[in-house]
Amino acid sequence: MSGWNEKDIPDQHGRVAVVTGANSGIGHITARELARRGARVVLACRSEARGSEAADRIVAEVPGAEAEFARLDLADLSSVREFAARFPYERLDLLVNNAGVMALPRGTTVDGFETHFGVNHLGHFALTGLLLPALLDAPAARIVTLSSFMHVLADIDIDDLDSERRYGRWTAYARSKTANLLFTHELARRLAAAGSRVVAASAHPGYAATNLQTAGPRAEGRKGAERLMELGNRVLAQSAEAGALPSLHAATAPGVRPDAFLGPRVAMWRGSPARSWRAPWTLDDAMGQRLWAASEELTGVVHDRLKA
């Protein structure tokens, strides 16, 4: 018996979705399949050229699709604020915090945060908070934040969130992915305390063939590492289409529980979506609350309707 796939996505007509990083890879497939099921999809991307082309591609591939580009640079909190201020819809049914960076050399965002922590966590924390009124006004909204099975490599260091004492590209990435899970854990707790029906869940794609693996080595000119990543994508990885299924399941399938973590069924690597194992530190209530407080202070975005 085959597992859950894109044909099982329920009808999405009348729903509005925002997918970050939707110009390529898993984000693009997520946006395309939501549009195929009838959702009006906003592709929130940094590059206007790539984002607009991606939206046009969805419209060309899917008859009757409603897909539009809106600029969002998660490495710049002013861009996040501008995106939220320009958001034209009164309600938002689905926010997929998909965009991310992986294993980059040490760098900082426009606002001075370590790149992985700033883009993967703080940018999405701010975006979620700024769009929260529109999400709370929807009858059954969901917030899906992408993590990674690589989160198991490192817990966050609440006293060194920007990895200033010691930097390792994979450790920084893993910490940001742990932060994604802690954010969802605390968000789900606060939503429940507020009596909200909004579901906050997380997903990961397993090992899926996208350009995420090669972006870092290519940016540094590390040809050997780039070729190794390309080989892994060809030989070991599942397709990007399969990698998008956990996100789509978390976003649309009936019965997804708050704080669920979904990923590929087989060894967290490949296969149809299923409940995924997660490191115990991603369920630490106290650390979730401390990360939340630090994130509000760093971004200046306070989730007013979700008090501790």
Protein backbone atom coordinates (compact mmCIF):
# COMPACT_ATOMS: atom_id res chain seq x y z
CA MET A 1 0.00 0.00 0.00
CA SER A 2 1.51 3.32 -1.04
CA GLY A 3 1.90 6.15 1.43
CA TRP A 4 0.52 9.67 1.43
CA ASN A 5 1.43 11.69 -1.68
CA GLU A 6 0.53 14.90 -3.49
CA LYS A 7 -2.70 13.37 -4.82
CA ASP A 8 -3.96 13.17 -1.25
CA ILE A 9 -3.77 16.95 -0.67
CA PRO A 10 -7.30 18.13 0.21
CA ASP A 11 -9.00 20.84 -1.83
CA GLN A 12 -7.43 24.24 -1.09
CA HIS A 13 -9.83 26.55 -2.95
CA GLY A 14 -10.52 29.72 -1.01
CA ARG A 15 -7.30 29.45 1.01
CA VAL A 16 -4.34 31.84 0.89
CA ALA A 17 -0.82 30.48 1.36
CA VAL A 18 2.60 32.09 1.73
CA VAL A 19 5.65 29.94 0.95
CA THR A 20 9.09 31.41 1.60
CA GLY A 21 11.92 30.48 -0.72
CA ALA A 22 9.46 29.26 -3.33
CA ASN A 23 11.54 30.05 -6.40
CA SER A 24 13.30 26.67 -6.42
CA GLY A 25 13.56 23.23 -4.85
CA ILE A 26 11.19 22.06 -2.16
CA GLY A 27 9.64 25.50 -1.72
CA HIS A 28 8.73 25.74 -5.39
CA ILE A 29 7.19 22.28 -5.43
CA THR A 30 5.24 23.06 -2.25
CA ALA A 31 3.87 26.25 -3.81
CA ARG A 32 3.05 24.50 -7.08
CA GLU A 33 1.14 21.64 -5.46
CA LEU A 34 -0.82 23.99 -3.19
CA ALA A 35 -1.77 26.01 -6.27
CA ARG A 36 -2.70 22.82 -8.11
CA ARG A 37 -5.22 22.12 -5.35
CA GLY A 38 -6.70 25.59 -5.63
CA ALA A 39 -4.86 27.75 -3.10
CA ARG A 40 -3.88 31.33 -3.93
CA VAL A 41 -0.13 31.14 -3.34
CA VAL A 42 2.27 33.98 -2.60
CA LEU A 43 5.86 33.09 -3.50
CA ALA A 44 7.94 35.02 -0.97
CA CYS A 45 11.43 35.20 -2.46
CA ARG A 46 14.51 37.39 -2.25
CA SER A 47 15.13 37.69 -6.01
CA GLU A 48 12.43 39.44 -8.04
CA ALA A 49 13.67 37.87 -11.27
CA ARG A 50 13.73 34.30 -9.95
CA GLY A 51 10.56 34.71 -7.89
CA SER A 52 8.54 36.20 -10.74
CA GLU A 53 9.79 33.52 -13.14
CA ALA A 54 8.83 30.81 -10.64
CA ALA A 55 5.31 32.23 -10.26
CA ASP A 56 4.95 32.42 -14.05
CA ARG A 57 6.15 28.81 -14.32
CA ILE A 58 3.45 27.62 -11.92
CA VAL A 59 0.76 29.50 -13.83
CA ALA A 60 2.00 27.93 -17.06
CA GLU A 61 2.16 24.41 -15.61
CA VAL A 62 -1.09 24.43 -13.64
CA PRO A 63 -4.26 25.51 -15.45
CA GLY A 64 -6.12 28.12 -13.44
CA ALA A 65 -3.37 28.48 -10.84
CA GLU A 66 -3.26 31.64 -8.75
CA ALA A 67 0.40 32.32 -7.95
CA GLU A 68 2.11 35.64 -7.37
CA PHE A 69 5.54 36.88 -6.36
CA ALA A 70 6.27 39.14 -3.39
CA ARG A 71 9.76 40.18 -2.38
CA LEU A 72 11.07 38.93 0.96
CA ASP A 73 14.68 38.90 2.13
CA LEU A 74 14.87 37.00 5.40
CA ALA A 75 18.41 38.30 5.95
CA ASP A 76 17.03 41.84 6.30
CA LEU A 77 14.41 42.50 8.98
CA SER A 78 13.33 45.70 7.24
CA SER A 79 12.41 43.57 4.22
CA VAL A 80 10.42 41.23 6.47
CA ARG A 81 8.52 44.19 7.87
CA GLU A 82 7.88 45.59 4.39
CA PHE A 83 6.55 42.22 3.18
CA ALA A 84 4.12 42.01 6.10
CA ALA A 85 3.02 45.63 5.68
CA ARG A 86 2.28 45.06 1.98
CA PHE A 87 0.49 41.74 2.50
CA PRO A 88 -2.80 42.40 0.70
CA TYR A 89 -5.07 39.74 2.19
CA GLU A 90 -7.18 40.06 5.32
CA ARG A 91 -6.52 36.50 6.35
CA LEU A 92 -3.75 33.95 5.85
CA ASP A 93 -4.60 30.27 5.95
CA LEU A 94 -1.16 28.77 5.54
CA LEU A 95 2.37 30.00 6.18
CA VAL A 96 5.19 27.68 5.10
CA ASN A 97 8.51 28.86 6.54
CA ASN A 98 10.56 26.99 3.97
CA ALA A 99 13.51 29.18 2.93
CA GLY A 100 16.92 28.55 4.39
CA VAL A 101 20.68 28.48 4.01
CA MET A 102 23.02 25.59 4.80
CA ALA A 103 26.68 25.20 5.76
CA LEU A 104 27.86 28.62 4.63
CA PRO A 105 31.15 30.24 5.65
CA ARG A 106 30.76 32.59 8.58
CA GLY A 107 28.80 35.70 7.65
CA THR A 108 26.18 38.04 9.01
CA THR A 109 22.79 39.31 7.96
CA VAL A 110 22.00 42.95 7.25
CA ASP A 111 21.13 43.31 10.94
CA GLY A 112 24.38 41.71 12.13
CA PHE A 113 23.17 38.23 13.08
CA GLU A 114 25.07 35.05 12.19
CA THR A 115 23.67 34.07 8.80
CA HIS A 116 22.16 30.65 9.62
CA PHE A 117 20.54 31.84 12.84
CA GLY A 118 19.44 35.12 11.27
CA VAL A 119 17.91 33.69 8.10
CA ASN A 120 16.68 30.27 9.15
CA HIS A 121 15.27 31.27 12.54
CA LEU A 122 15.06 35.01 13.24
CA GLY A 123 13.72 35.96 9.81
CA HIS A 124 10.93 33.40 10.06
CA PHE A 125 10.25 34.24 13.72
CA ALA A 126 9.72 37.87 12.74
CA LEU A 127 7.66 36.99 9.67
CA THR A 128 5.36 34.72 11.68
CA GLY A 129 4.83 37.36 14.33
CA LEU A 130 4.05 40.09 11.83
CA LEU A 131 1.59 37.87 9.92
CA LEU A 132 0.05 36.42 13.07
CA PRO A 133 -3.08 38.64 13.05
CA ALA A 134 -3.96 37.39 9.55
CA LEU A 135 -3.32 33.78 10.64
CA LEU A 136 -5.45 34.11 13.75
CA ASP A 137 -8.28 35.52 11.66
CA ALA A 138 -8.39 32.40 9.46
CA PRO A 139 -10.71 29.59 10.61
CA ALA A 140 -8.15 26.76 10.51
CA ALA A 141 -4.72 28.18 9.73
CA ARG A 142 -1.43 26.31 9.85
CA ILE A 143 2.16 27.43 10.32
CA VAL A 144 4.72 24.95 9.00
CA THR A 145 8.40 25.56 9.69
CA LEU A 146 11.04 23.46 7.98
CA SER A 147 13.76 21.94 10.08
CA SER A 148 16.20 19.15 9.18
CA PHE A 149 17.29 15.78 10.51
CA MET A 150 20.67 17.50 10.81
CA HIS A 151 19.32 19.31 13.89
CA VAL A 152 20.56 16.27 15.85
CA LEU A 153 24.14 17.53 15.47
CA ALA A 154 23.76 20.46 17.88
CA ASP A 155 21.55 22.06 20.47
CA ILE A 156 21.42 25.85 20.55
CA ASP A 157 23.72 27.79 22.85
CA ILE A 158 21.42 30.40 24.34
CA ASP A 159 24.44 32.40 25.51
CA ASP A 160 26.09 32.39 22.07
CA LEU A 161 23.27 32.43 19.53
CA ASP A 162 25.49 34.09 16.92
CA SER A 163 28.30 31.50 17.30
CA GLU A 164 30.83 34.18 18.19
CA ARG A 165 32.93 32.02 20.51
CA ARG A 166 33.44 29.23 17.99
CA TYR A 167 32.10 28.81 14.46
CA GLY A 168 31.57 25.64 12.46
CA ARG A 169 29.39 25.76 9.38
CA TRP A 170 27.56 22.49 10.10
CA THR A 171 27.17 23.27 13.79
CA ALA A 172 25.71 26.67 12.95
CA TYR A 173 23.29 25.06 10.52
CA ALA A 174 22.26 22.39 13.04
CA ARG A 175 21.72 25.01 15.74
CA SER A 176 19.44 26.98 13.44
CA LYS A 177 17.44 23.84 12.67
CA THR A 178 17.12 23.11 16.38
CA ALA A 179 15.92 26.70 16.79
CA ASN A 180 13.23 26.01 14.17
CA LEU A 181 11.93 23.09 16.22
CA LEU A 182 12.09 24.97 19.52
CA PHE A 183 10.23 27.87 17.92
CA THR A 184 7.45 25.56 16.74
CA HIS A 185 7.32 23.88 20.15
CA GLU A 186 6.88 27.19 21.98
CA LEU A 187 4.54 28.59 19.30
CA ALA A 188 2.28 25.55 19.64
CA ARG A 189 2.24 25.96 23.41
CA ARG A 190 1.31 29.63 23.19
CA LEU A 191 -1.38 29.05 20.58
CA ALA A 192 -2.96 26.40 22.81
CA ALA A 193 -2.81 28.72 25.83
CA ALA A 194 -4.58 31.41 23.80
CA GLY A 195 -7.32 28.98 22.80
CA SER A 196 -6.39 29.29 19.12
CA ARG A 197 -7.15 26.64 16.51
CA VAL A 198 -4.04 27.55 14.50
CA VAL A 199 -1.77 24.51 14.18
CA ALA A 200 2.00 25.02 14.33
CA ALA A 201 3.98 22.05 13.04
CA SER A 202 7.42 21.27 11.64
CA ALA A 203 8.67 19.12 8.79
CA HIS A 204 11.91 18.04 7.18
CA PRO A 205 12.61 16.66 3.69
CA GLY A 206 15.09 13.94 4.58
CA TYR A 207 17.88 13.89 2.03
CA ALA A 208 16.35 15.50 -1.04
CA ALA A 209 18.17 16.61 -4.17
CA THR A 210 18.02 20.41 -4.26
CA ASN A 211 20.46 23.28 -4.83
CA LEU A 212 20.75 23.80 -1.06
CA GLN A 213 23.59 21.28 -0.81
CA THR A 214 25.73 22.88 -3.50
CA ALA A 215 25.12 26.57 -2.74
CA GLY A 216 27.73 26.86 0.01
CA PRO A 217 30.60 25.11 -1.80
CA ARG A 218 29.83 26.99 -5.01
CA ALA A 219 29.86 30.35 -3.23
CA GLU A 220 33.34 29.58 -1.88
CA GLY A 221 34.72 28.04 -5.06
CA ARG A 222 35.24 24.67 -3.36
CA LYS A 223 34.91 22.59 -6.52
CA GLY A 224 35.65 19.26 -4.86
CA ALA A 225 32.99 19.73 -2.21
CA GLU A 226 30.52 20.91 -4.84
CA ARG A 227 31.12 17.81 -6.97
CA LEU A 228 30.75 15.58 -3.89
CA MET A 229 27.40 17.17 -3.06
CA GLU A 230 26.25 16.79 -6.67
CA LEU A 231 27.21 13.10 -6.56
CA GLY A 232 25.28 12.62 -3.32
CA ASN A 233 22.23 14.25 -4.88
CA ARG A 234 22.37 11.86 -7.83
CA VAL A 235 23.14 8.65 -5.96
CA LEU A 236 21.76 8.92 -2.43
CA ALA A 237 19.06 11.56 -2.36
CA GLN A 238 15.38 11.23 -3.10
CA SER A 239 13.79 13.69 -5.50
CA ALA A 240 12.83 17.21 -4.53
CA GLU A 241 9.22 16.22 -5.26
CA ALA A 242 9.43 13.48 -2.63
CA GLY A 243 11.24 15.84 -0.27
CA ALA A 244 8.33 18.29 -0.42
CA LEU A 245 5.78 15.74 0.74
CA PRO A 246 6.38 16.15 4.50
CA SER A 247 5.85 19.91 4.17
CA LEU A 248 2.69 19.40 2.15
CA HIS A 249 1.41 16.78 4.60
CA ALA A 250 2.05 19.07 7.57
CA ALA A 251 0.33 21.91 5.73
CA THR A 252 -2.79 20.14 4.51
CA ALA A 253 -3.42 16.62 5.81
CA PRO A 254 -6.27 16.11 8.29
CA GLY A 255 -5.31 15.33 11.84
CA VAL A 256 -1.88 16.98 12.00
CA ARG A 257 -1.31 17.71 15.67
CA PRO A 258 0.25 20.87 17.13
CA ASP A 259 4.05 20.57 17.42
CA ALA A 260 4.13 17.56 15.09
CA PHE A 261 7.44 16.86 13.35
CA LEU A 262 7.01 15.08 10.03
CA GLY A 263 9.62 13.64 7.71
CA PRO A 264 10.32 10.72 5.39
CA ARG A 265 9.27 7.36 6.76
CA VAL A 266 12.45 5.38 6.05
CA ALA A 267 15.25 6.25 8.50
CA MET A 268 14.37 9.97 8.30
CA TRP A 269 15.92 9.80 4.84
CA ARG A 270 13.35 8.93 2.17
CA GLY A 271 9.82 7.67 1.65
CA SER A 272 6.31 8.88 2.35
CA PRO A 273 5.61 11.30 5.23
CA ALA A 274 5.42 10.00 8.78
CA ARG A 275 6.05 11.18 12.31
CA SER A 276 9.77 11.82 12.70
CA TRP A 277 12.10 11.33 15.65
CA ARG A 278 13.49 14.52 17.17
CA ALA A 279 16.23 15.29 19.66
CA PRO A 280 14.98 15.65 23.25
CA TRP A 281 16.35 19.18 23.51
CA THR A 282 13.82 20.36 20.91
CA LEU A 283 11.05 19.64 23.44
CA ASP A 284 12.59 21.64 26.29
CA ASP A 285 9.88 24.04 27.48
CA ALA A 286 12.27 26.29 29.40
CA MET A 287 14.68 26.61 26.49
CA GLY A 288 11.82 27.27 24.08
CA GLN A 289 10.68 30.14 26.25
CA ARG A 290 14.21 31.54 26.57
CA LEU A 291 14.74 31.37 22.80
CA TRP A 292 11.39 33.07 22.25
CA ALA A 293 12.26 35.92 24.61
CA ALA A 294 15.69 36.35 23.00
CA SER A 295 14.16 36.33 19.52
CA GLU A 296 11.64 39.03 20.44
CA GLU A 297 14.44 41.17 21.83
CA LEU A 298 16.71 40.65 18.81
CA THR A 299 14.06 41.22 16.14
CA GLY A 300 11.88 43.77 17.92
CA VAL A 301 8.85 41.70 16.87
CA VAL A 302 6.59 40.87 19.80
CA HIS A 303 3.79 38.36 19.30
CA ASP A 304 1.29 40.52 21.16
CA ARG A 305 -1.62 38.09 20.97
CA LEU A 306 0.43 35.16 22.26
CA LYS A 307 1.64 35.92 25.75
CA ALA A 308 3.69 33.47 27.78
